[in-house]
């Protein structure tokens, strides 16, 4: 066995193993991020989606504030209007009230009248 230095491609690879390994890793990461994952554009698309969601959330917050102000602005007159609609449409009653529902009106012919009146 001789101690003669290895030249050519094999000698270059032996001297620069770590550098070549790091270059291969760098190339695979760049390929994965840029070509497969469409790196810079996917981040921009996600940011646009986030901005759209923020805009929708702001609109919903404004709508909620408007609806809350409408609810809080109801006066006693509006409450009585709501109560009358609830009574008429849904047949609701207050506590202590009685509700009578007449379902059918029947007519009776009193052909036989007796001396005793039912009244």
PDB file of N, CA and C in Angstrom:
ATOM      1  N   UNK A   1       0.829  -1.152   0.000  1.00  0.00           N
ATOM      2  CA  UNK A   1       0.000   0.000   0.000  1.00  0.00           C
ATOM      3  C   UNK A   1       0.883   1.226   0.000  1.00  0.00           C
ATOM      4  N   UNK A   2       0.516   2.036  -0.884  1.00  0.00           N
ATOM      5  CA  UNK A   2       1.313   3.254  -0.985  1.00  0.00           C
ATOM      6  C   UNK A   2       0.517   4.421  -0.441  1.00  0.00           C
ATOM      7  N   UNK A   3       1.218   5.421   0.003  1.00  0.00           N
ATOM      8  CA  UNK A   3       0.581   6.622   0.554  1.00  0.00           C
ATOM      9  C   UNK A   3       0.501   7.722  -0.488  1.00  0.00           C
ATOM     10  N   UNK A   4       0.241   7.365  -1.623  1.00  0.00           N
ATOM     11  CA  UNK A   4       0.208   8.376  -2.657  1.00  0.00           C
ATOM     12  C   UNK A   4      -1.168   9.067  -2.622  1.00  0.00           C
ATOM     13  N   UNK A   5      -1.201  10.353  -2.806  1.00  0.00           N
ATOM     14  CA  UNK A   5      -2.455  11.090  -2.728  1.00  0.00           C
ATOM     15  C   UNK A   5      -3.371  10.749  -3.893  1.00  0.00           C
ATOM     16  N   UNK A   6      -4.664  10.682  -3.582  1.00  0.00           N
ATOM     17  CA  UNK A   6      -5.666  10.370  -4.590  1.00  0.00           C
ATOM     18  C   UNK A   6      -6.020  11.666  -5.291  1.00  0.00           C
ATOM     19  N   UNK A   7      -5.988  11.608  -6.599  1.00  0.00           N
ATOM     20  CA  UNK A   7      -6.299  12.806  -7.370  1.00  0.00           C
ATOM     21  C   UNK A   7      -7.548  12.565  -8.195  1.00  0.00           C
ATOM     22  N   UNK A   8      -8.031  13.588  -8.817  1.00  0.00           N
ATOM     23  CA  UNK A   8      -9.207  13.460  -9.675  1.00  0.00           C
ATOM     24  C   UNK A   8     -10.487  13.644  -8.883  1.00  0.00           C
ATOM     25  N   UNK A   9     -11.527  13.057  -9.393  1.00  0.00           N
ATOM     26  CA  UNK A   9     -12.861  13.213  -8.795  1.00  0.00           C
ATOM     27  C   UNK A   9     -12.941  12.561  -7.435  1.00  0.00           C
ATOM     28  N   UNK A  10     -12.362  11.412  -7.268  1.00  0.00           N
ATOM     29  CA  UNK A  10     -12.418  10.709  -5.982  1.00  0.00           C
ATOM     30  C   UNK A  10     -11.660  11.495  -4.922  1.00  0.00           C
ATOM     31  N   UNK A  11     -10.551  12.079  -5.277  1.00  0.00           N
ATOM     32  CA  UNK A  11      -9.819  12.901  -4.322  1.00  0.00           C
ATOM     33  C   UNK A  11     -10.613  14.136  -3.922  1.00  0.00           C
ATOM     34  N   UNK A  12     -11.284  14.748  -4.868  1.00  0.00           N
ATOM     35  CA  UNK A  12     -12.106  15.925  -4.565  1.00  0.00           C
ATOM     36  C   UNK A  12     -13.253  15.558  -3.614  1.00  0.00           C
ATOM     37  N   UNK A  13     -13.881  14.411  -3.865  1.00  0.00           N
ATOM     38  CA  UNK A  13     -14.992  13.965  -3.010  1.00  0.00           C
ATOM     39  C   UNK A  13     -14.482  13.661  -1.611  1.00  0.00           C
ATOM     40  N   UNK A  14     -13.329  13.006  -1.494  1.00  0.00           N
ATOM     41  CA  UNK A  14     -12.769  12.689  -0.180  1.00  0.00           C
ATOM     42  C   UNK A  14     -12.448  13.950   0.616  1.00  0.00           C
ATOM     43  N   UNK A  15     -11.949  14.969  -0.047  1.00  0.00           N
ATOM     44  CA  UNK A  15     -11.582  16.195   0.655  1.00  0.00           C
ATOM     45  C   UNK A  15     -12.810  17.016   1.066  1.00  0.00           C
ATOM     46  N   UNK A  16     -13.867  16.974   0.306  1.00  0.00           N
ATOM     47  CA  UNK A  16     -15.015  17.864   0.530  1.00  0.00           C
ATOM     48  C   UNK A  16     -16.314  17.104   0.817  1.00  0.00           C
ATOM     49  N   UNK A  17     -16.269  16.055   1.628  1.00  0.00           N
ATOM     50  CA  UNK A  17     -17.459  15.245   1.929  1.00  0.00           C
ATOM     51  C   UNK A  17     -18.544  16.079   2.601  1.00  0.00           C
ATOM     52  N   UNK A  18     -18.185  16.805   3.623  1.00  0.00           N
ATOM     53  CA  UNK A  18     -19.163  17.572   4.380  1.00  0.00           C
ATOM     54  C   UNK A  18     -19.787  18.677   3.519  1.00  0.00           C
ATOM     55  N   UNK A  19     -18.979  19.334   2.735  1.00  0.00           N
ATOM     56  CA  UNK A  19     -19.490  20.391   1.863  1.00  0.00           C
ATOM     57  C   UNK A  19     -20.461  19.829   0.834  1.00  0.00           C
ATOM     58  N   UNK A  20     -20.155  18.704   0.256  1.00  0.00           N
ATOM     59  CA  UNK A  20     -21.040  18.095  -0.734  1.00  0.00           C
ATOM     60  C   UNK A  20     -22.357  17.632  -0.111  1.00  0.00           C
ATOM     61  N   UNK A  21     -22.283  17.084   1.104  1.00  0.00           N
ATOM     62  CA  UNK A  21     -23.500  16.655   1.803  1.00  0.00           C
ATOM     63  C   UNK A  21     -24.389  17.860   2.081  1.00  0.00           C
ATOM     64  N   UNK A  22     -23.795  18.959   2.531  1.00  0.00           N
ATOM     65  CA  UNK A  22     -24.569  20.165   2.808  1.00  0.00           C
ATOM     66  C   UNK A  22     -25.174  20.760   1.529  1.00  0.00           C
ATOM     67  N   UNK A  23     -24.448  20.682   0.421  1.00  0.00           N
ATOM     68  CA  UNK A  23     -24.980  21.167  -0.861  1.00  0.00           C
ATOM     69  C   UNK A  23     -26.170  20.323  -1.304  1.00  0.00           C
ATOM     70  N   UNK A  24     -26.086  18.993  -1.123  1.00  0.00           N
ATOM     71  CA  UNK A  24     -27.202  18.109  -1.491  1.00  0.00           C
ATOM     72  C   UNK A  24     -28.424  18.416  -0.626  1.00  0.00           C
ATOM     73  N   UNK A  25     -28.222  18.625   0.678  1.00  0.00           N
ATOM     74  CA  UNK A  25     -29.340  18.960   1.576  1.00  0.00           C
ATOM     75  C   UNK A  25     -29.956  20.302   1.184  1.00  0.00           C
ATOM     76  N   UNK A  26     -29.107  21.280   0.897  1.00  0.00           N
ATOM     77  CA  UNK A  26     -29.605  22.590   0.479  1.00  0.00           C
ATOM     78  C   UNK A  26     -30.413  22.497  -0.811  1.00  0.00           C
ATOM     79  N   UNK A  27     -29.914  21.749  -1.772  1.00  0.00           N
ATOM     80  CA  UNK A  27     -30.630  21.580  -3.037  1.00  0.00           C
ATOM     81  C   UNK A  27     -31.982  20.908  -2.818  1.00  0.00           C
ATOM     82  N   UNK A  28     -32.039  19.884  -1.966  1.00  0.00           N
ATOM     83  CA  UNK A  28     -33.320  19.196  -1.735  1.00  0.00           C
ATOM     84  C   UNK A  28     -34.313  20.111  -1.016  1.00  0.00           C
ATOM     85  N   UNK A  29     -33.840  20.942  -0.080  1.00  0.00           N
ATOM     86  CA  UNK A  29     -34.735  21.870   0.601  1.00  0.00           C
ATOM     87  C   UNK A  29     -35.261  22.949  -0.348  1.00  0.00           C
ATOM     88  N   UNK A  30     -34.400  23.465  -1.201  1.00  0.00           N
ATOM     89  CA  UNK A  30     -34.823  24.472  -2.164  1.00  0.00           C
ATOM     90  C   UNK A  30     -35.830  23.868  -3.134  1.00  0.00           C
ATOM     91  N   UNK A  31     -35.560  22.672  -3.613  1.00  0.00           N
ATOM     92  CA  UNK A  31     -36.489  21.995  -4.521  1.00  0.00           C
ATOM     93  C   UNK A  31     -37.839  21.774  -3.838  1.00  0.00           C
ATOM     94  N   UNK A  32     -37.818  21.305  -2.595  1.00  0.00           N
ATOM     95  CA  UNK A  32     -39.056  21.030  -1.866  1.00  0.00           C
ATOM     96  C   UNK A  32     -39.863  22.314  -1.665  1.00  0.00           C
ATOM     97  N   UNK A  33     -39.213  23.379  -1.224  1.00  0.00           N
ATOM     98  CA  UNK A  33     -39.940  24.607  -0.899  1.00  0.00           C
ATOM     99  C   UNK A  33     -40.392  25.383  -2.130  1.00  0.00           C
ATOM    100  N   UNK A  34     -39.535  25.536  -3.096  1.00  0.00           N
ATOM    101  CA  UNK A  34     -39.863  26.402  -4.225  1.00  0.00           C
ATOM    102  C   UNK A  34     -40.665  25.659  -5.285  1.00  0.00           C
ATOM    103  N   UNK A  35     -40.224  24.493  -5.684  1.00  0.00           N
ATOM    104  CA  UNK A  35     -40.887  23.799  -6.789  1.00  0.00           C
ATOM    105  C   UNK A  35     -42.117  23.004  -6.345  1.00  0.00           C
ATOM    106  N   UNK A  36     -42.016  22.303  -5.234  1.00  0.00           N
ATOM    107  CA  UNK A  36     -43.141  21.469  -4.803  1.00  0.00           C
ATOM    108  C   UNK A  36     -44.194  22.258  -4.034  1.00  0.00           C
ATOM    109  N   UNK A  37     -43.741  23.128  -3.112  1.00  0.00           N
ATOM    110  CA  UNK A  37     -44.682  23.840  -2.251  1.00  0.00           C
ATOM    111  C   UNK A  37     -45.045  25.233  -2.752  1.00  0.00           C
ATOM    112  N   UNK A  38     -44.435  25.677  -3.857  1.00  0.00           N
ATOM    113  CA  UNK A  38     -44.731  26.989  -4.424  1.00  0.00           C
ATOM    114  C   UNK A  38     -44.538  28.075  -3.361  1.00  0.00           C
ATOM    115  N   UNK A  39     -43.381  28.082  -2.747  1.00  0.00           N
ATOM    116  CA  UNK A  39     -43.097  28.811  -1.513  1.00  0.00           C
ATOM    117  C   UNK A  39     -43.525  30.268  -1.462  1.00  0.00           C
ATOM    118  N   UNK A  40     -43.021  31.157  -2.230  1.00  0.00           N
ATOM    119  CA  UNK A  40     -43.391  32.551  -1.915  1.00  0.00           C
ATOM    120  C   UNK A  40     -44.862  32.858  -2.208  1.00  0.00           C
ATOM    121  N   UNK A  41     -45.453  32.168  -3.169  1.00  0.00           N
ATOM    122  CA  UNK A  41     -46.831  32.466  -3.553  1.00  0.00           C
ATOM    123  C   UNK A  41     -47.835  31.908  -2.550  1.00  0.00           C
ATOM    124  N   UNK A  42     -47.530  30.773  -1.966  1.00  0.00           N
ATOM    125  CA  UNK A  42     -48.466  30.193  -1.002  1.00  0.00           C
ATOM    126  C   UNK A  42     -48.552  31.056   0.249  1.00  0.00           C
ATOM    127  N   UNK A  43     -47.456  31.676   0.638  1.00  0.00           N
ATOM    128  CA  UNK A  43     -47.473  32.565   1.800  1.00  0.00           C
ATOM    129  C   UNK A  43     -48.317  33.797   1.495  1.00  0.00           C
ATOM    130  N   UNK A  44     -48.175  34.339   0.294  1.00  0.00           N
ATOM    131  CA  UNK A  44     -48.979  35.498  -0.097  1.00  0.00           C
ATOM    132  C   UNK A  44     -50.466  35.152  -0.162  1.00  0.00           C
ATOM    133  N   UNK A  45     -50.787  33.971  -0.675  1.00  0.00           N
ATOM    134  CA  UNK A  45     -52.189  33.544  -0.737  1.00  0.00           C
ATOM    135  C   UNK A  45     -52.779  33.376   0.657  1.00  0.00           C
ATOM    136  N   UNK A  46     -52.004  32.808   1.559  1.00  0.00           N
ATOM    137  CA  UNK A  46     -52.476  32.638   2.940  1.00  0.00           C
ATOM    138  C   UNK A  46     -52.687  33.991   3.595  1.00  0.00           C
ATOM    139  N   UNK A  47     -51.808  34.944   3.328  1.00  0.00           N
ATOM    140  CA  UNK A  47     -51.949  36.281   3.903  1.00  0.00           C
ATOM    141  C   UNK A  47     -53.199  36.970   3.366  1.00  0.00           C
ATOM    142  N   UNK A  48     -53.491  36.796   2.077  1.00  0.00           N
ATOM    143  CA  UNK A  48     -54.715  37.356   1.506  1.00  0.00           C
ATOM    144  C   UNK A  48     -55.952  36.733   2.143  1.00  0.00           C
ATOM    145  N   UNK A  49     -55.911  35.409   2.374  1.00  0.00           N
ATOM    146  CA  UNK A  49     -57.041  34.736   3.020  1.00  0.00           C
ATOM    147  C   UNK A  49     -57.228  35.262   4.440  1.00  0.00           C
ATOM    148  N   UNK A  50     -56.132  35.473   5.152  1.00  0.00           N
ATOM    149  CA  UNK A  50     -56.214  36.006   6.515  1.00  0.00           C
ATOM    150  C   UNK A  50     -56.795  37.420   6.499  1.00  0.00           C
ATOM    151  N   UNK A  51     -56.381  38.234   5.543  1.00  0.00           N
ATOM    152  CA  UNK A  51     -56.914  39.592   5.435  1.00  0.00           C
ATOM    153  C   UNK A  51     -58.408  39.583   5.129  1.00  0.00           C
ATOM    154  N   UNK A  52     -58.840  38.664   4.257  1.00  0.00           N
ATOM    155  CA  UNK A  52     -60.271  38.549   3.951  1.00  0.00           C
ATOM    156  C   UNK A  52     -61.066  38.145   5.187  1.00  0.00           C
ATOM    157  N   UNK A  53     -60.539  37.203   5.954  1.00  0.00           N
ATOM    158  CA  UNK A  53     -61.220  36.752   7.171  1.00  0.00           C
ATOM    159  C   UNK A  53     -61.291  37.889   8.188  1.00  0.00           C
ATOM    160  N   UNK A  54     -60.211  38.678   8.293  1.00  0.00           N
ATOM    161  CA  UNK A  54     -60.230  39.822   9.207  1.00  0.00           C
ATOM    162  C   UNK A  54     -61.290  40.833   8.789  1.00  0.00           C
ATOM    163  N   UNK A  55     -61.426  41.062   7.486  1.00  0.00           N
ATOM    164  CA  UNK A  55     -62.438  41.986   6.992  1.00  0.00           C
ATOM    165  C   UNK A  55     -63.848  41.479   7.302  1.00  0.00           C
ATOM    166  N   UNK A  56     -64.074  40.195   7.098  1.00  0.00           N
ATOM    167  CA  UNK A  56     -65.377  39.597   7.409  1.00  0.00           C
ATOM    168  C   UNK A  56     -65.663  39.712   8.906  1.00  0.00           C
ATOM    169  N   UNK A  57     -64.650  39.447   9.739  1.00  0.00           N
ATOM    170  CA  UNK A  57     -64.834  39.565  11.185  1.00  0.00           C
ATOM    171  C   UNK A  57     -65.169  40.996  11.591  1.00  0.00           C
ATOM    172  N   UNK A  58     -64.511  41.972  10.975  1.00  0.00           N
ATOM    173  CA  UNK A  58     -64.820  43.369  11.283  1.00  0.00           C
ATOM    174  C   UNK A  58     -66.249  43.716  10.879  1.00  0.00           C
ATOM    175  N   UNK A  59     -66.689  43.231   9.707  1.00  0.00           N
ATOM    176  CA  UNK A  59     -68.064  43.473   9.275  1.00  0.00           C
ATOM    177  C   UNK A  59     -69.067  42.845  10.232  1.00  0.00           C
ATOM    178  N   UNK A  60     -68.786  41.619  10.673  1.00  0.00           N
ATOM    179  CA  UNK A  60     -69.682  40.952  11.621  1.00  0.00           C
ATOM    180  C   UNK A  60     -69.715  41.670  12.968  1.00  0.00           C
ATOM    181  N   UNK A  61     -68.569  42.176  13.394  1.00  0.00           N
ATOM    182  CA  UNK A  61     -68.521  42.931  14.644  1.00  0.00           C
ATOM    183  C   UNK A  61     -69.351  44.200  14.526  1.00  0.00           C
ATOM    184  N   UNK A  62     -69.250  44.884  13.392  1.00  0.00           N
ATOM    185  CA  UNK A  62     -70.057  46.093  13.180  1.00  0.00           C
ATOM    186  C   UNK A  62     -71.550  45.764  13.147  1.00  0.00           C
ATOM    187  N   UNK A  63     -71.911  44.665  12.500  1.00  0.00           N
ATOM    188  CA  UNK A  63     -73.315  44.260  12.461  1.00  0.00           C
ATOM    189  C   UNK A  63     -73.823  43.910  13.858  1.00  0.00           C
ATOM    190  N   UNK A  64     -72.997  43.214  14.637  1.00  0.00           N
ATOM    191  CA  UNK A  64     -73.386  42.872  16.010  1.00  0.00           C
ATOM    192  C   UNK A  64     -73.591  44.120  16.852  1.00  0.00           C
ATOM    193  N   UNK A  65     -72.713  45.102  16.679  1.00  0.00           N
ATOM    194  CA  UNK A  65     -72.848  46.350  17.423  1.00  0.00           C
ATOM    195  C   UNK A  65     -74.145  47.058  17.050  1.00  0.00           C
ATOM    196  N   UNK A  66     -74.463  47.080  15.758  1.00  0.00           N
ATOM    197  CA  UNK A  66     -75.701  47.707  15.292  1.00  0.00           C
ATOM    198  C   UNK A  66     -76.925  46.994  15.856  1.00  0.00           C
ATOM    199  N   UNK A  67     -76.917  45.680  15.821  1.00  0.00           N
ATOM    200  CA  UNK A  67     -78.060  44.910  16.343  1.00  0.00           C
ATOM    201  C   UNK A  67     -78.192  45.099  17.849  1.00  0.00           C
ATOM    202  N   UNK A  68     -77.076  45.122  18.571  1.00  0.00           N
ATOM    203  CA  UNK A  68     -77.126  45.356  20.020  1.00  0.00           C
ATOM    204  C   UNK A  68     -77.684  46.736  20.334  1.00  0.00           C
ATOM    205  N   UNK A  69     -77.314  47.731  19.547  1.00  0.00           N
ATOM    206  CA  UNK A  69     -77.851  49.076  19.792  1.00  0.00           C
ATOM    207  C   UNK A  69     -79.344  49.121  19.496  1.00  0.00           C
ATOM    208  N   UNK A  70     -79.804  48.377  18.486  1.00  0.00           N
ATOM    209  CA  UNK A  70     -81.242  48.313  18.210  1.00  0.00           C
ATOM    210  C   UNK A  70     -81.987  47.636  19.348  1.00  0.00           C
ATOM    211  N   UNK A  71     -81.419  46.577  19.871  1.00  0.00           N
ATOM    212  CA  UNK A  71     -82.060  45.867  20.987  1.00  0.00           C
ATOM    213  C   UNK A  71     -82.117  46.764  22.216  1.00  0.00           C
ATOM    214  N   UNK A  72     -81.023  47.460  22.486  1.00  0.00           N
ATOM    215  CA  UNK A  72     -80.987  48.325  23.665  1.00  0.00           C
ATOM    216  C   UNK A  72     -81.862  49.556  23.513  1.00  0.00           C
ATOM    217  N   UNK A  73     -82.207  49.936  22.285  1.00  0.00           N
ATOM    218  CA  UNK A  73     -83.016  51.133  22.072  1.00  0.00           C
ATOM    219  C   UNK A  73     -84.516  50.863  22.153  1.00  0.00           C
ATOM    220  N   UNK A  74     -84.924  49.631  22.365  1.00  0.00           N
ATOM    221  CA  UNK A  74     -86.347  49.349  22.500  1.00  0.00           C
ATOM    222  C   UNK A  74     -86.890  50.054  23.736  1.00  0.00           C
ATOM    223  N   UNK A  75     -88.005  50.696  23.571  1.00  0.00           N
ATOM    224  CA  UNK A  75     -88.641  51.378  24.698  1.00  0.00           C
ATOM    225  C   UNK A  75     -89.781  50.508  25.215  1.00  0.00           C
ATOM    226  N   UNK A  76     -90.459  51.022  26.216  1.00  0.00           N
ATOM    227  CA  UNK A  76     -91.581  50.269  26.771  1.00  0.00           C
ATOM    228  C   UNK A  76     -92.688  50.114  25.726  1.00  0.00           C
ATOM    229  N   UNK A  77     -92.838  51.103  24.859  1.00  0.00           N
ATOM    230  CA  UNK A  77     -93.852  51.023  23.808  1.00  0.00           C
ATOM    231  C   UNK A  77     -93.541  49.879  22.857  1.00  0.00           C
ATOM    232  N   UNK A  78     -92.288  49.758  22.494  1.00  0.00           N
ATOM    233  CA  UNK A  78     -91.899  48.659  21.608  1.00  0.00           C
ATOM    234  C   UNK A  78     -92.062  47.318  22.313  1.00  0.00           C
ATOM    235  N   UNK A  79     -91.799  47.287  23.614  1.00  0.00           N
ATOM    236  CA  UNK A  79     -91.981  46.036  24.359  1.00  0.00           C
ATOM    237  C   UNK A  79     -93.443  45.631  24.382  1.00  0.00           C
ATOM    238  N   UNK A  80     -94.347  46.613  24.552  1.00  0.00           N
ATOM    239  CA  UNK A  80     -95.775  46.269  24.551  1.00  0.00           C
ATOM    240  C   UNK A  80     -96.220  45.824  23.155  1.00  0.00           C
ATOM    241  N   UNK A  81     -95.623  46.391  22.118  1.00  0.00           N
ATOM    242  CA  UNK A  81     -95.926  45.957  20.760  1.00  0.00           C
ATOM    243  C   UNK A  81     -95.491  44.512  20.554  1.00  0.00           C
ATOM    244  N   UNK A  82     -94.312  44.181  21.028  1.00  0.00           N
ATOM    245  CA  UNK A  82     -93.812  42.800  20.926  1.00  0.00           C
ATOM    246  C   UNK A  82     -94.699  41.863  21.729  1.00  0.00           C
ATOM    247  N   UNK A  83     -95.137  42.326  22.918  1.00  0.00           N
ATOM    248  CA  UNK A  83     -96.001  41.496  23.755  1.00  0.00           C
ATOM    249  C   UNK A  83     -97.339  41.236  23.071  1.00  0.00           C
ATOM    250  N   UNK A  84     -97.920  42.262  22.452  1.00  0.00           N
ATOM    251  CA  UNK A  84     -99.210  42.071  21.791  1.00  0.00           C
ATOM    252  C   UNK A  84     -99.076  41.130  20.585  1.00  0.00           C
ATOM    253  N   UNK A  85     -97.967  41.240  19.871  1.00  0.00           N
ATOM    254  CA  UNK A  85     -97.747  40.309  18.755  1.00  0.00           C
ATOM    255  C   UNK A  85     -97.592  38.884  19.262  1.00  0.00           C
ATOM    256  N   UNK A  86     -96.890  38.712  20.383  1.00  0.00           N
ATOM    257  CA  UNK A  86     -96.712  37.375  20.946  1.00  0.00           C
ATOM    258  C   UNK A  86     -98.039  36.807  21.420  1.00  0.00           C
ATOM    259  N   UNK A  87     -98.882  37.659  21.999  1.00  0.00           N
ATOM    260  CA  UNK A  87    -100.193  37.191  22.458  1.00  0.00           C
ATOM    261  C   UNK A  87    -101.071  36.783  21.270  1.00  0.00           C
ATOM    262  N   UNK A  88    -101.065  37.609  20.229  1.00  0.00           N
ATOM    263  CA  UNK A  88    -101.942  37.348  19.088  1.00  0.00           C
ATOM    264  C   UNK A  88    -101.446  36.175  18.256  1.00  0.00           C
ATOM    265  N   UNK A  89    -100.163  36.181  17.920  1.00  0.00           N
ATOM    266  CA  UNK A  89     -99.637  35.189  16.986  1.00  0.00           C
ATOM    267  C   UNK A  89     -99.422  33.828  17.636  1.00  0.00           C
ATOM    268  N   UNK A  90     -98.895  33.828  18.866  1.00  0.00           N
ATOM    269  CA  UNK A  90     -98.533  32.552  19.497  1.00  0.00           C
ATOM    270  C   UNK A  90     -99.462  32.150  20.639  1.00  0.00           C
ATOM    271  N   UNK A  91    -100.411  33.006  20.978  1.00  0.00           N
ATOM    272  CA  UNK A  91    -101.347  32.660  22.039  1.00  0.00           C
ATOM    273  C   UNK A  91    -100.694  32.644  23.406  1.00  0.00           C
ATOM    274  N   UNK A  92     -99.682  33.449  23.630  1.00  0.00           N
ATOM    275  CA  UNK A  92     -99.006  33.477  24.929  1.00  0.00           C
ATOM    276  C   UNK A  92     -99.819  34.285  25.929  1.00  0.00           C
ATOM    277  N   UNK A  93     -99.717  33.885  27.200  1.00  0.00           N
ATOM    278  CA  UNK A  93    -100.432  34.602  28.255  1.00  0.00           C
ATOM    279  C   UNK A  93     -99.462  34.908  29.385  1.00  0.00           C
ATOM    280  N   UNK A  94     -99.856  35.880  30.221  1.00  0.00           N
ATOM    281  CA  UNK A  94     -99.040  36.224  31.381  1.00  0.00           C
ATOM    282  C   UNK A  94     -99.376  35.288  32.533  1.00  0.00           C
ATOM    283  N   UNK A  95     -98.532  35.306  33.521  1.00  0.00           N
ATOM    284  CA  UNK A  95     -98.756  34.478  34.691  1.00  0.00           C
ATOM    285  C   UNK A  95     -99.992  34.984  35.432  1.00  0.00           C
ATOM    286  N   UNK A  96    -100.866  34.064  35.795  1.00  0.00           N
ATOM    287  CA  UNK A  96    -102.088  34.417  36.502  1.00  0.00           C
ATOM    288  C   UNK A  96    -103.271  34.641  35.584  1.00  0.00           C
ATOM    289  N   UNK A  97    -103.079  34.663  34.291  1.00  0.00           N
ATOM    290  CA  UNK A  97    -104.178  34.837  33.348  1.00  0.00           C
ATOM    291  C   UNK A  97    -104.714  33.466  32.942  1.00  0.00           C
ATOM    292  N   UNK A  98    -105.942  33.475  32.469  1.00  0.00           N
ATOM    293  CA  UNK A  98    -106.558  32.248  31.985  1.00  0.00           C
ATOM    294  C   UNK A  98    -106.823  32.391  30.499  1.00  0.00           C
ATOM    295  N   UNK A  99    -106.658  31.302  29.797  1.00  0.00           N
ATOM    296  CA  UNK A  99    -106.846  31.312  28.356  1.00  0.00           C
ATOM    297  C   UNK A  99    -107.941  30.315  28.021  1.00  0.00           C
ATOM    298  N   UNK A 100    -108.976  30.795  27.328  1.00  0.00           N
ATOM    299  CA  UNK A 100    -110.058  29.941  26.883  1.00  0.00           C
ATOM    300  C   UNK A 100    -110.072  29.949  25.375  1.00  0.00           C
ATOM    301  N   UNK A 101    -110.093  28.776  24.803  1.00  0.00           N
ATOM    302  CA  UNK A 101    -110.124  28.668  23.351  1.00  0.00           C
ATOM    303  C   UNK A 101    -111.418  27.983  22.938  1.00  0.00           C
ATOM    304  N   UNK A 102    -112.163  28.665  22.102  1.00  0.00           N
ATOM    305  CA  UNK A 102    -113.420  28.097  21.611  1.00  0.00           C
ATOM    306  C   UNK A 102    -113.124  27.467  20.263  1.00  0.00           C
ATOM    307  N   UNK A 103    -113.319  26.175  20.200  1.00  0.00           N
ATOM    308  CA  UNK A 103    -112.962  25.474  18.983  1.00  0.00           C
ATOM    309  C   UNK A 103    -114.128  25.306  18.021  1.00  0.00           C
ATOM    310  N   UNK A 104    -115.365  25.139  18.549  1.00  0.00           N
ATOM    311  CA  UNK A 104    -116.488  24.890  17.661  1.00  0.00           C
ATOM    312  C   UNK A 104    -117.757  25.445  18.294  1.00  0.00           C
ATOM    313  N   UNK A 105    -118.546  26.065  17.476  1.00  0.00           N
ATOM    314  CA  UNK A 105    -119.822  26.579  17.941  1.00  0.00           C
ATOM    315  C   UNK A 105    -120.902  25.613  17.457  1.00  0.00           C
ATOM    316  N   UNK A 106    -121.683  25.131  18.381  1.00  0.00           N
ATOM    317  CA  UNK A 106    -122.759  24.206  18.014  1.00  0.00           C
ATOM    318  C   UNK A 106    -124.100  24.892  18.238  1.00  0.00           C
ATOM    319  N   UNK A 107    -125.004  24.622  17.360  1.00  0.00           N
ATOM    320  CA  UNK A 107    -126.355  25.163  17.501  1.00  0.00           C
ATOM    321  C   UNK A 107    -127.301  24.014  17.824  1.00  0.00           C
ATOM    322  N   UNK A 108    -128.075  24.241  18.812  1.00  0.00           N
ATOM    323  CA  UNK A 108    -129.036  23.218  19.217  1.00  0.00           C
ATOM    324  C   UNK A 108    -130.440  23.724  18.932  1.00  0.00           C
ATOM    325  N   UNK A 109    -131.223  22.875  18.335  1.00  0.00           N
ATOM    326  CA  UNK A 109    -132.625  23.224  18.094  1.00  0.00           C
ATOM    327  C   UNK A 109    -133.447  22.696  19.267  1.00  0.00           C
ATOM    328  N   UNK A 110    -134.085  23.592  19.937  1.00  0.00           N
ATOM    329  CA  UNK A 110    -134.936  23.201  21.067  1.00  0.00           C
ATOM    330  C   UNK A 110    -136.369  23.027  20.556  1.00  0.00           C
ATOM    331  N   UNK A 111    -136.620  21.868  20.029  1.00  0.00           N
ATOM    332  CA  UNK A 111    -137.953  21.620  19.517  1.00  0.00           C
ATOM    333  C   UNK A 111    -138.929  21.350  20.654  1.00  0.00           C
ATOM    334  N   UNK A 112    -138.421  20.692  21.643  1.00  0.00           N
ATOM    335  CA  UNK A 112    -139.304  20.390  22.762  1.00  0.00           C
ATOM    336  C   UNK A 112    -139.004  21.386  23.868  1.00  0.00           C
ATOM    337  N   UNK A 113    -139.958  22.190  24.169  1.00  0.00           N
ATOM    338  CA  UNK A 113    -139.788  23.100  25.273  1.00  0.00           C
ATOM    339  C   UNK A 113    -140.596  22.563  26.452  1.00  0.00           C
ATOM    340  N   UNK A 114    -139.936  22.576  27.533  1.00  0.00           N
ATOM    341  CA  UNK A 114    -140.614  22.118  28.733  1.00  0.00           C
ATOM    342  C   UNK A 114    -140.975  23.308  29.583  1.00  0.00           C
ATOM    343  N   UNK A 115    -141.671  23.052  30.607  1.00  0.00           N
ATOM    344  CA  UNK A 115    -142.086  24.143  31.497  1.00  0.00           C
ATOM    345  C   UNK A 115    -140.918  24.682  32.292  1.00  0.00           C
ATOM    346  N   UNK A 116    -139.907  23.915  32.399  1.00  0.00           N
ATOM    347  CA  UNK A 116    -138.741  24.367  33.145  1.00  0.00           C
ATOM    348  C   UNK A 116    -137.749  24.943  32.168  1.00  0.00           C
ATOM    349  N   UNK A 117    -137.324  26.100  32.429  1.00  0.00           N
ATOM    350  CA  UNK A 117    -136.361  26.735  31.557  1.00  0.00           C
ATOM    351  C   UNK A 117    -134.960  26.464  32.062  1.00  0.00           C
ATOM    352  N   UNK A 118    -134.050  26.339  31.144  1.00  0.00           N
ATOM    353  CA  UNK A 118    -132.664  26.081  31.541  1.00  0.00           C
ATOM    354  C   UNK A 118    -131.968  27.355  32.000  1.00  0.00           C
ATOM    355  N   UNK A 119    -132.583  28.474  31.743  1.00  0.00           N
ATOM    356  CA  UNK A 119    -131.964  29.728  32.153  1.00  0.00           C
ATOM    357  C   UNK A 119    -132.265  30.044  33.541  1.00  0.00           C
TER     358      UNK A 119
END
